[in-house]
Structures are given as C-alpha cells and as structure tokens.
Amino acid sequence: MVLSLLPAALGVAVTVGLAVAAIASRALTPAAGAVAAAFGTVVVVLGGFPFLALLTLFVVASVLATRYGFEEKRRLNVHEGTQGERGVSNVLAHAILPTALVVLSAAVPSALPASSLAVLYTAALAFGSADTFASEFGVLAGTARSILTFRPVRPGTNGGISGTGEFWALVGALSMSVVGTAFFVAFDAPLPHGGLIVAGAALAGFAGCQVDSVLGETLENRGYLSKATTNLLGMVSSVLIALVLIAAEGGPL
C-alpha cells in the first residue's frame, strides 16, 4: 500500500525523527542512523505505518537486549561497539531483506500480495529478534555448546548455543510475531487466514536463528562469511521457510 502525499510526508518525518533519536541515544552510529532512516523511509512510504512500527519495535528491542548486562559483556569481550551502539553493517544485514520485500510487493503486487508480505516481513524481523535475543541474553548464561557437536565452547563463539539462548530466541521470535500481528490488525492491513502470521512467522524466525548458528560454526568461523553476511543468510532462510508455510496453507504464493 503506497501512501498518499500527506501520510507519506508524515511517515518520512516520523522515520527521520526516530533515526535522530536513535543516534542521540547512541543506539546507532550516525552513519547507521542515516542508513536506517533511508530504509525506514522506503518501508513506510511503500508499505505503510504497520511495517515502520514493526521495524521500530525491532530496533528498540535489539538496543535494550544489547545493553542488558553490558558491563558483564564488556568484561567477557562480547559486547557491541563501545556502548552497545550498532553500526552500518548491522543495520544493512537486518534491513535490506525486509525493505526489499516491501519494494517487491509495491512494484509487483501479483508476485507478493499484501497478506503474504505481512507474513514474510514479520518472519524476517522475527529472525532478527530471535538472533539478537539469543546472542545478547545467551552469552550471559555462562556456558555454551556447539550446535553441531554439542561440545562445550566459549560463550559468544559462533555456533555456540545454550538453553538460555534458545529460550530467548523463541521469546524474541514469538513476541515479534504477536506484536506484529497486532500492528497489522490495528492498521487494518491485509492478513492471511488463521494463525499463519503468528505461528508461521515465529517458527520461521526461530528456525532461521538455528540456521544462523550452523552457518556461524561452519563458515563464519572459517572466515568465509562475515557476521553481517551470516545474519543476512539466516534471515533469508527464515523468509524461505515462511514461503514454504504459506504454500502449505494454500496461500497465493
């Protein structure tokens, strides 16, 4: 749903204001804030306010999770930035795919109907929340095991998982899906039938988080992938899983 002139102008103003607030609070670096504003502008103008609201929720939740126990994370040398701020690569890894989905739906609605877009977009951000929560809370668990061999590894190691991290990954994916559904309902956006956007997006986001861990252990640890690329591929896997679930439900895709 492409916004008309006045709502679009309001959406852009809100997006820029949110980016400025993120920079001022040191949640994002200035460069990352500028990139986030650009992506947010595209999302709100071409998708509408529920998509911007869900993206904003993801950023806020990620910042809060990153700053939780920050001094302990600094002591363990597993912290983000100097004060928990996120940089350009992190923003790109988590914003490119959701934005691309919105652009595709606006440009070719027959290829990606609005109801399917809601599921795929939510699944992408459910992955982002699952991955962030698993990393930021799981690293404080004190123990971790390889996702492939289950041998003990140092907390924060790529491919390392813990019961605490897996729990928070599920919380992140499910909460993003539930709140995302509430946003779409509040803004009267098209939704698929049944609980696909809640259960389907949450499942896809959580499963994608496991893919991210496998890629981290097998490819990132060997230098074939960067952290941002691993995150992006994990998000892609979540969207693909959501696509399969839509098809299984007899959706338009």
C-alpha atoms as a PDB file:
ATOM      1  CA  MET A   1       0.000   0.000   0.000  1.00  0.00           C
ATOM      2  CA  VAL A   2       1.782   3.105  -1.255  1.00  0.00           C
ATOM      3  CA  LEU A   3       0.935   6.089   0.938  1.00  0.00           C
ATOM      4  CA  SER A   4      -0.526   9.266  -0.496  1.00  0.00           C
ATOM      5  CA  LEU A   5       1.389  12.549  -0.231  1.00  0.00           C
ATOM      6  CA  LEU A   6       0.415  13.765   3.246  1.00  0.00           C
ATOM      7  CA  PRO A   7       0.637  10.407   5.058  1.00  0.00           C
ATOM      8  CA  ALA A   8       3.921   9.750   3.237  1.00  0.00           C
ATOM      9  CA  ALA A   9       5.320  13.094   4.383  1.00  0.00           C
ATOM     10  CA  LEU A  10       4.257  12.302   7.949  1.00  0.00           C
ATOM     11  CA  GLY A  11       5.827   8.861   7.692  1.00  0.00           C
ATOM     12  CA  VAL A  12       9.118  10.291   6.458  1.00  0.00           C
ATOM     13  CA  ALA A  13       9.125  12.872   9.266  1.00  0.00           C
ATOM     14  CA  VAL A  14       8.480  10.170  11.859  1.00  0.00           C
ATOM     15  CA  THR A  15      11.201   7.972  10.371  1.00  0.00           C
ATOM     16  CA  VAL A  16      13.785  10.738  10.413  1.00  0.00           C
ATOM     17  CA  GLY A  17      12.793  11.654  13.963  1.00  0.00           C
ATOM     18  CA  LEU A  18      13.232   8.061  15.097  1.00  0.00           C
ATOM     19  CA  ALA A  19      16.642   7.867  13.435  1.00  0.00           C
ATOM     20  CA  VAL A  20      17.762  11.087  15.109  1.00  0.00           C
ATOM     21  CA  ALA A  21      16.576   9.746  18.468  1.00  0.00           C
ATOM     22  CA  ALA A  22      18.491   6.502  17.881  1.00  0.00           C
ATOM     23  CA  ILE A  23      21.663   8.444  17.130  1.00  0.00           C
ATOM     24  CA  ALA A  24      21.191  10.786  20.098  1.00  0.00           C
ATOM     25  CA  SER A  25      20.709   7.828  22.453  1.00  0.00           C
ATOM     26  CA  ARG A  26      23.780   6.116  20.943  1.00  0.00           C
ATOM     27  CA  ALA A  27      21.704   3.159  19.852  1.00  0.00           C
ATOM     28  CA  LEU A  28      23.042   3.658  16.314  1.00  0.00           C
ATOM     29  CA  THR A  29      26.151   5.342  14.996  1.00  0.00           C
ATOM     30  CA  PRO A  30      25.461   8.478  12.906  1.00  0.00           C
ATOM     31  CA  ALA A  31      26.170   6.605   9.674  1.00  0.00           C
ATOM     32  CA  ALA A  32      23.957   3.695  10.755  1.00  0.00           C
ATOM     33  CA  GLY A  33      21.217   6.133  11.705  1.00  0.00           C
ATOM     34  CA  ALA A  34      21.327   7.696   8.241  1.00  0.00           C
ATOM     35  CA  VAL A  35      21.107   4.267   6.609  1.00  0.00           C
ATOM     36  CA  ALA A  36      18.237   3.277   8.901  1.00  0.00           C
ATOM     37  CA  ALA A  37      16.380   6.476   8.010  1.00  0.00           C
ATOM     38  CA  ALA A  38      16.764   5.715   4.300  1.00  0.00           C
ATOM     39  CA  PHE A  39      15.442   2.173   4.658  1.00  0.00           C
ATOM     40  CA  GLY A  40      12.678   3.290   7.024  1.00  0.00           C
ATOM     41  CA  THR A  41      11.552   5.918   4.534  1.00  0.00           C
ATOM     42  CA  VAL A  42      11.183   3.319   1.792  1.00  0.00           C
ATOM     43  CA  VAL A  43       9.350   0.955   4.130  1.00  0.00           C
ATOM     44  CA  VAL A  44       6.814   3.474   5.383  1.00  0.00           C
ATOM     45  CA  VAL A  45       6.120   5.119   2.021  1.00  0.00           C
ATOM     46  CA  LEU A  46       5.691   1.861   0.098  1.00  0.00           C
ATOM     47  CA  GLY A  47       4.381  -0.374   2.879  1.00  0.00           C
ATOM     48  CA  GLY A  48       2.637   1.826   5.408  1.00  0.00           C
ATOM     49  CA  PHE A  49       2.823   2.534   9.108  1.00  0.00           C
ATOM     50  CA  PRO A  50       2.485  -1.044  10.478  1.00  0.00           C
ATOM     51  CA  PHE A  51       5.694  -2.001   8.681  1.00  0.00           C
ATOM     52  CA  LEU A  52       7.533   1.003  10.083  1.00  0.00           C
ATOM     53  CA  ALA A  53       6.125   0.304  13.556  1.00  0.00           C
ATOM     54  CA  LEU A  54       7.369  -3.295  13.476  1.00  0.00           C
ATOM     55  CA  LEU A  55      10.803  -2.235  12.229  1.00  0.00           C
ATOM     56  CA  THR A  56      10.992   0.360  15.004  1.00  0.00           C
ATOM     57  CA  LEU A  57       9.990  -2.236  17.589  1.00  0.00           C
ATOM     58  CA  PHE A  58      12.770  -4.499  16.378  1.00  0.00           C
ATOM     59  CA  VAL A  59      15.374  -1.733  16.709  1.00  0.00           C
ATOM     60  CA  VAL A  60      14.197  -0.765  20.204  1.00  0.00           C
ATOM     61  CA  ALA A  61      14.077  -4.383  21.406  1.00  0.00           C
ATOM     62  CA  SER A  62      17.535  -5.033  19.969  1.00  0.00           C
ATOM     63  CA  VAL A  63      19.001  -1.993  21.720  1.00  0.00           C
ATOM     64  CA  LEU A  64      17.502  -2.973  25.066  1.00  0.00           C
ATOM     65  CA  ALA A  65      18.774  -6.548  24.703  1.00  0.00           C
ATOM     66  CA  THR A  66      22.225  -5.310  23.679  1.00  0.00           C
ATOM     67  CA  ARG A  67      22.528  -3.026  26.681  1.00  0.00           C
ATOM     68  CA  TYR A  68      21.283  -5.600  29.173  1.00  0.00           C
ATOM     69  CA  GLY A  69      24.216  -6.724  31.313  1.00  0.00           C
ATOM     70  CA  PHE A  70      26.519  -4.620  29.165  1.00  0.00           C
ATOM     71  CA  GLU A  71      29.319  -4.325  31.698  1.00  0.00           C
ATOM     72  CA  GLU A  72      29.461  -8.106  32.047  1.00  0.00           C
ATOM     73  CA  LYS A  73      29.508  -8.438  28.262  1.00  0.00           C
ATOM     74  CA  ARG A  74      32.335  -5.903  28.126  1.00  0.00           C
ATOM     75  CA  ARG A  75      34.257  -7.937  30.697  1.00  0.00           C
ATOM     76  CA  LEU A  76      33.774 -11.040  28.551  1.00  0.00           C
ATOM     77  CA  ASN A  77      34.686  -9.057  25.421  1.00  0.00           C
ATOM     78  CA  VAL A  78      31.452  -9.992  23.640  1.00  0.00           C
ATOM     79  CA  HIS A  79      29.890  -6.506  23.591  1.00  0.00           C
ATOM     80  CA  GLU A  80      28.706  -4.443  20.611  1.00  0.00           C
ATOM     81  CA  GLY A  81      30.501  -1.165  19.912  1.00  0.00           C
ATOM     82  CA  THR A  82      31.753   0.933  22.799  1.00  0.00           C
ATOM     83  CA  GLN A  83      28.377   1.488  24.458  1.00  0.00           C
ATOM     84  CA  GLY A  84      26.217  -1.057  22.667  1.00  0.00           C
ATOM     85  CA  GLU A  85      25.654   1.036  19.555  1.00  0.00           C
ATOM     86  CA  ARG A  86      25.036  -0.726  16.248  1.00  0.00           C
ATOM     87  CA  GLY A  87      26.897   0.150  13.068  1.00  0.00           C
ATOM     88  CA  VAL A  88      26.112   0.268   9.369  1.00  0.00           C
ATOM     89  CA  SER A  89      26.821  -3.411   8.688  1.00  0.00           C
ATOM     90  CA  ASN A  90      24.355  -4.481  11.369  1.00  0.00           C
ATOM     91  CA  VAL A  91      21.626  -2.195  10.017  1.00  0.00           C
ATOM     92  CA  LEU A  92      22.207  -3.382   6.470  1.00  0.00           C
ATOM     93  CA  ALA A  93      22.125  -7.044   7.471  1.00  0.00           C
ATOM     94  CA  HIS A  94      18.752  -6.667   9.180  1.00  0.00           C
ATOM     95  CA  ALA A  95      17.059  -4.056   6.964  1.00  0.00           C
ATOM     96  CA  ILE A  96      17.930  -4.984   3.379  1.00  0.00           C
ATOM     97  CA  LEU A  97      15.665  -8.013   3.082  1.00  0.00           C
ATOM     98  CA  PRO A  98      12.554  -6.595   4.830  1.00  0.00           C
ATOM     99  CA  THR A  99      12.852  -3.444   2.718  1.00  0.00           C
ATOM    100  CA  ALA A 100      13.315  -5.473  -0.470  1.00  0.00           C
ATOM    101  CA  LEU A 101      10.141  -7.417   0.321  1.00  0.00           C
ATOM    102  CA  VAL A 102       8.166  -4.200   0.706  1.00  0.00           C
ATOM    103  CA  VAL A 103       9.577  -2.823  -2.561  1.00  0.00           C
ATOM    104  CA  LEU A 104       8.737  -6.059  -4.407  1.00  0.00           C
ATOM    105  CA  SER A 105       5.172  -6.088  -3.114  1.00  0.00           C
ATOM    106  CA  ALA A 106       4.648  -2.448  -4.090  1.00  0.00           C
ATOM    107  CA  ALA A 107       6.170  -2.914  -7.543  1.00  0.00           C
ATOM    108  CA  VAL A 108       4.604  -6.287  -8.395  1.00  0.00           C
ATOM    109  CA  PRO A 109       1.602  -6.940  -6.119  1.00  0.00           C
ATOM    110  CA  SER A 110       0.713 -10.089  -8.051  1.00  0.00           C
ATOM    111  CA  ALA A 111       4.109 -11.586  -7.186  1.00  0.00           C
ATOM    112  CA  LEU A 112       3.853 -10.753  -3.490  1.00  0.00           C
ATOM    113  CA  PRO A 113       0.318  -9.973  -2.272  1.00  0.00           C
ATOM    114  CA  ALA A 114      -0.075  -7.796   0.805  1.00  0.00           C
ATOM    115  CA  SER A 115      -1.226 -10.651   3.060  1.00  0.00           C
ATOM    116  CA  SER A 116       1.814 -12.760   2.162  1.00  0.00           C
ATOM    117  CA  LEU A 117       4.081  -9.733   2.551  1.00  0.00           C
ATOM    118  CA  ALA A 118       2.892  -9.372   6.144  1.00  0.00           C
ATOM    119  CA  VAL A 119       3.968 -12.945   6.927  1.00  0.00           C
ATOM    120  CA  LEU A 120       7.352 -12.760   5.198  1.00  0.00           C
ATOM    121  CA  TYR A 121       8.194  -9.331   6.633  1.00  0.00           C
ATOM    122  CA  THR A 122       7.246 -10.464  10.131  1.00  0.00           C
ATOM    123  CA  ALA A 123       9.265 -13.680   9.713  1.00  0.00           C
ATOM    124  CA  ALA A 124      12.324 -11.656   8.709  1.00  0.00           C
ATOM    125  CA  LEU A 125      12.125  -9.453  11.789  1.00  0.00           C
ATOM    126  CA  ALA A 126      11.194 -12.437  13.979  1.00  0.00           C
ATOM    127  CA  PHE A 127      14.532 -13.885  12.929  1.00  0.00           C
ATOM    128  CA  GLY A 128      16.267 -10.608  13.781  1.00  0.00           C
ATOM    129  CA  SER A 129      14.768 -10.619  17.263  1.00  0.00           C
ATOM    130  CA  ALA A 130      15.461 -14.320  17.817  1.00  0.00           C
ATOM    131  CA  ASP A 131      19.089 -13.934  16.754  1.00  0.00           C
ATOM    132  CA  THR A 132      19.648 -10.799  18.820  1.00  0.00           C
ATOM    133  CA  PHE A 133      17.941 -12.134  21.948  1.00  0.00           C
ATOM    134  CA  ALA A 134      19.769 -15.477  21.689  1.00  0.00           C
ATOM    135  CA  SER A 135      23.117 -13.709  21.378  1.00  0.00           C
ATOM    136  CA  GLU A 136      22.646 -10.935  23.906  1.00  0.00           C
ATOM    137  CA  PHE A 137      20.968 -12.993  26.652  1.00  0.00           C
ATOM    138  CA  GLY A 138      22.533 -16.347  25.865  1.00  0.00           C
ATOM    139  CA  VAL A 139      26.080 -15.042  26.206  1.00  0.00           C
ATOM    140  CA  LEU A 140      25.354 -14.295  29.856  1.00  0.00           C
ATOM    141  CA  ALA A 141      24.373 -17.901  30.577  1.00  0.00           C
ATOM    142  CA  GLY A 142      27.999 -18.756  31.337  1.00  0.00           C
ATOM    143  CA  THR A 143      28.017 -21.969  29.312  1.00  0.00           C
ATOM    144  CA  ALA A 144      27.531 -22.854  25.649  1.00  0.00           C
ATOM    145  CA  ARG A 145      27.783 -25.876  23.394  1.00  0.00           C
ATOM    146  CA  SER A 146      28.409 -26.302  19.687  1.00  0.00           C
ATOM    147  CA  ILE A 147      25.140 -26.569  17.761  1.00  0.00           C
ATOM    148  CA  LEU A 148      26.691 -29.384  15.686  1.00  0.00           C
ATOM    149  CA  THR A 149      28.842 -31.399  18.070  1.00  0.00           C
ATOM    150  CA  PHE A 150      27.398 -30.292  21.433  1.00  0.00           C
ATOM    151  CA  ARG A 151      30.909 -29.963  22.785  1.00  0.00           C
ATOM    152  CA  PRO A 152      31.430 -27.122  25.295  1.00  0.00           C
ATOM    153  CA  VAL A 153      32.566 -23.867  23.677  1.00  0.00           C
ATOM    154  CA  ARG A 154      33.260 -20.398  24.986  1.00  0.00           C
ATOM    155  CA  PRO A 155      30.080 -18.270  25.329  1.00  0.00           C
ATOM    156  CA  GLY A 156      29.881 -15.914  22.373  1.00  0.00           C
ATOM    157  CA  THR A 157      31.524 -18.390  19.987  1.00  0.00           C
ATOM    158  CA  ASN A 158      29.883 -18.531  16.567  1.00  0.00           C
ATOM    159  CA  GLY A 159      27.679 -21.614  16.505  1.00  0.00           C
ATOM    160  CA  GLY A 160      27.552 -21.842  20.295  1.00  0.00           C
ATOM    161  CA  ILE A 161      24.110 -22.298  21.843  1.00  0.00           C
ATOM    162  CA  SER A 162      22.708 -22.603  25.356  1.00  0.00           C
ATOM    163  CA  GLY A 163      19.366 -23.381  26.917  1.00  0.00           C
ATOM    164  CA  THR A 164      19.055 -19.739  27.948  1.00  0.00           C
ATOM    165  CA  GLY A 165      19.862 -18.530  24.462  1.00  0.00           C
ATOM    166  CA  GLU A 166      17.387 -20.912  22.823  1.00  0.00           C
ATOM    167  CA  PHE A 167      14.654 -19.847  25.231  1.00  0.00           C
ATOM    168  CA  TRP A 168      15.215 -16.185  24.450  1.00  0.00           C
ATOM    169  CA  ALA A 169      15.394 -16.913  20.721  1.00  0.00           C
ATOM    170  CA  LEU A 170      11.904 -18.374  20.954  1.00  0.00           C
ATOM    171  CA  VAL A 171      10.704 -15.428  23.040  1.00  0.00           C
ATOM    172  CA  GLY A 172      12.124 -12.980  20.501  1.00  0.00           C
ATOM    173  CA  ALA A 173      10.567 -14.711  17.505  1.00  0.00           C
ATOM    174  CA  LEU A 174       7.173 -15.228  19.122  1.00  0.00           C
ATOM    175  CA  SER A 175       6.891 -11.751  20.637  1.00  0.00           C
ATOM    176  CA  MET A 176       7.760 -10.094  17.321  1.00  0.00           C
ATOM    177  CA  SER A 177       5.138 -12.204  15.553  1.00  0.00           C
ATOM    178  CA  VAL A 178       2.422 -11.492  18.121  1.00  0.00           C
ATOM    179  CA  VAL A 179       3.075  -7.754  18.279  1.00  0.00           C
ATOM    180  CA  GLY A 180       3.472  -7.602  14.503  1.00  0.00           C
ATOM    181  CA  THR A 181       0.053  -9.163  14.081  1.00  0.00           C
ATOM    182  CA  ALA A 182      -1.380  -6.607  16.497  1.00  0.00           C
ATOM    183  CA  PHE A 183       0.154  -3.773  14.455  1.00  0.00           C
ATOM    184  CA  PHE A 184      -1.285  -5.098  11.189  1.00  0.00           C
ATOM    185  CA  VAL A 185      -4.709  -5.549  12.771  1.00  0.00           C
ATOM    186  CA  ALA A 186      -4.609  -2.055  14.306  1.00  0.00           C
ATOM    187  CA  PHE A 187      -3.814  -0.507  10.918  1.00  0.00           C
ATOM    188  CA  ASP A 188      -6.359  -2.740   9.137  1.00  0.00           C
ATOM    189  CA  ALA A 189      -3.687  -4.279   6.902  1.00  0.00           C
ATOM    190  CA  PRO A 190      -4.463  -7.435   4.873  1.00  0.00           C
ATOM    191  CA  LEU A 191      -3.617 -10.615   6.774  1.00  0.00           C
ATOM    192  CA  PRO A 192      -3.704 -14.325   5.885  1.00  0.00           C
ATOM    193  CA  HIS A 193      -6.300 -16.592   7.428  1.00  0.00           C
ATOM    194  CA  GLY A 194      -5.662 -18.457  10.659  1.00  0.00           C
ATOM    195  CA  GLY A 195      -2.598 -18.115  12.835  1.00  0.00           C
ATOM    196  CA  LEU A 196      -0.068 -18.223   9.994  1.00  0.00           C
ATOM    197  CA  ILE A 197       1.425 -14.825  10.736  1.00  0.00           C
ATOM    198  CA  VAL A 198       1.835 -15.661  14.430  1.00  0.00           C
ATOM    199  CA  ALA A 199       2.786 -19.335  14.481  1.00  0.00           C
ATOM    200  CA  GLY A 200       4.294 -19.414  10.987  1.00  0.00           C
ATOM    201  CA  ALA A 201       6.423 -16.295  11.308  1.00  0.00           C
ATOM    202  CA  ALA A 202       7.556 -17.257  14.805  1.00  0.00           C
ATOM    203  CA  LEU A 203       8.520 -20.754  13.675  1.00  0.00           C
ATOM    204  CA  ALA A 204      10.356 -19.394  10.636  1.00  0.00           C
ATOM    205  CA  GLY A 205      12.202 -16.821  12.730  1.00  0.00           C
ATOM    206  CA  PHE A 206      13.273 -19.360  15.343  1.00  0.00           C
ATOM    207  CA  ALA A 207      14.347 -21.908  12.720  1.00  0.00           C
ATOM    208  CA  GLY A 208      16.314 -19.249  10.856  1.00  0.00           C
ATOM    209  CA  CYS A 209      18.166 -18.486  14.082  1.00  0.00           C
ATOM    210  CA  GLN A 210      19.351 -22.116  14.142  1.00  0.00           C
ATOM    211  CA  VAL A 211      20.482 -21.829  10.528  1.00  0.00           C
ATOM    212  CA  ASP A 212      22.426 -18.721  11.509  1.00  0.00           C
ATOM    213  CA  SER A 213      24.211 -20.700  14.238  1.00  0.00           C
ATOM    214  CA  VAL A 214      25.101 -23.514  11.838  1.00  0.00           C
ATOM    215  CA  LEU A 215      26.453 -21.021   9.292  1.00  0.00           C
ATOM    216  CA  GLY A 216      28.381 -19.300  12.066  1.00  0.00           C
ATOM    217  CA  GLU A 217      30.102 -22.518  13.086  1.00  0.00           C
ATOM    218  CA  THR A 218      30.734 -23.952   9.636  1.00  0.00           C
ATOM    219  CA  LEU A 219      31.507 -20.888   7.514  1.00  0.00           C
ATOM    220  CA  GLU A 220      31.919 -17.755   9.628  1.00  0.00           C
ATOM    221  CA  ASN A 221      34.435 -19.355  11.981  1.00  0.00           C
ATOM    222  CA  ARG A 222      36.487 -20.332   8.928  1.00  0.00           C
ATOM    223  CA  GLY A 223      36.466 -16.811   7.542  1.00  0.00           C
ATOM    224  CA  TYR A 224      34.160 -17.499   4.592  1.00  0.00           C
ATOM    225  CA  LEU A 225      31.370 -15.274   5.925  1.00  0.00           C
ATOM    226  CA  SER A 226      31.257 -12.070   7.944  1.00  0.00           C
ATOM    227  CA  LYS A 227      28.897 -11.680  10.869  1.00  0.00           C
ATOM    228  CA  ALA A 228      26.628  -9.433   8.796  1.00  0.00           C
ATOM    229  CA  THR A 229      26.515 -11.909   5.919  1.00  0.00           C
ATOM    230  CA  THR A 230      25.725 -14.763   8.283  1.00  0.00           C
ATOM    231  CA  ASN A 231      22.860 -12.718   9.746  1.00  0.00           C
ATOM    232  CA  LEU A 232      21.541 -11.882   6.287  1.00  0.00           C
ATOM    233  CA  LEU A 233      21.613 -15.521   5.167  1.00  0.00           C
ATOM    234  CA  GLY A 234      19.887 -16.557   8.387  1.00  0.00           C
ATOM    235  CA  MET A 235      17.138 -14.038   7.654  1.00  0.00           C
ATOM    236  CA  VAL A 236      16.856 -15.291   4.072  1.00  0.00           C
ATOM    237  CA  SER A 237      16.362 -18.813   5.413  1.00  0.00           C
ATOM    238  CA  SER A 238      13.549 -17.580   7.675  1.00  0.00           C
ATOM    239  CA  VAL A 239      11.769 -15.953   4.745  1.00  0.00           C
ATOM    240  CA  LEU A 240      12.143 -19.109   2.648  1.00  0.00           C
ATOM    241  CA  ILE A 241      10.719 -21.220   5.479  1.00  0.00           C
ATOM    242  CA  ALA A 242       7.804 -18.796   5.757  1.00  0.00           C
ATOM    243  CA  LEU A 243       7.260 -19.129   1.996  1.00  0.00           C
ATOM    244  CA  VAL A 244       7.001 -22.892   2.369  1.00  0.00           C
ATOM    245  CA  LEU A 245       4.484 -22.484   5.199  1.00  0.00           C
ATOM    246  CA  ILE A 246       2.386 -20.094   3.083  1.00  0.00           C
ATOM    247  CA  ALA A 247       2.379 -22.601   0.239  1.00  0.00           C
ATOM    248  CA  ALA A 248       1.429 -25.394   2.626  1.00  0.00           C
ATOM    249  CA  GLU A 249      -1.526 -23.317   3.804  1.00  0.00           C
ATOM    250  CA  GLY A 250      -2.641 -22.832   0.209  1.00  0.00           C
ATOM    251  CA  GLY A 251      -1.652 -19.157   0.142  1.00  0.00           C
ATOM    252  CA  PRO A 252      -1.253 -17.069  -3.038  1.00  0.00           C
ATOM    253  CA  LEU A 253       2.474 -17.766  -3.212  1.00  0.00           C
END
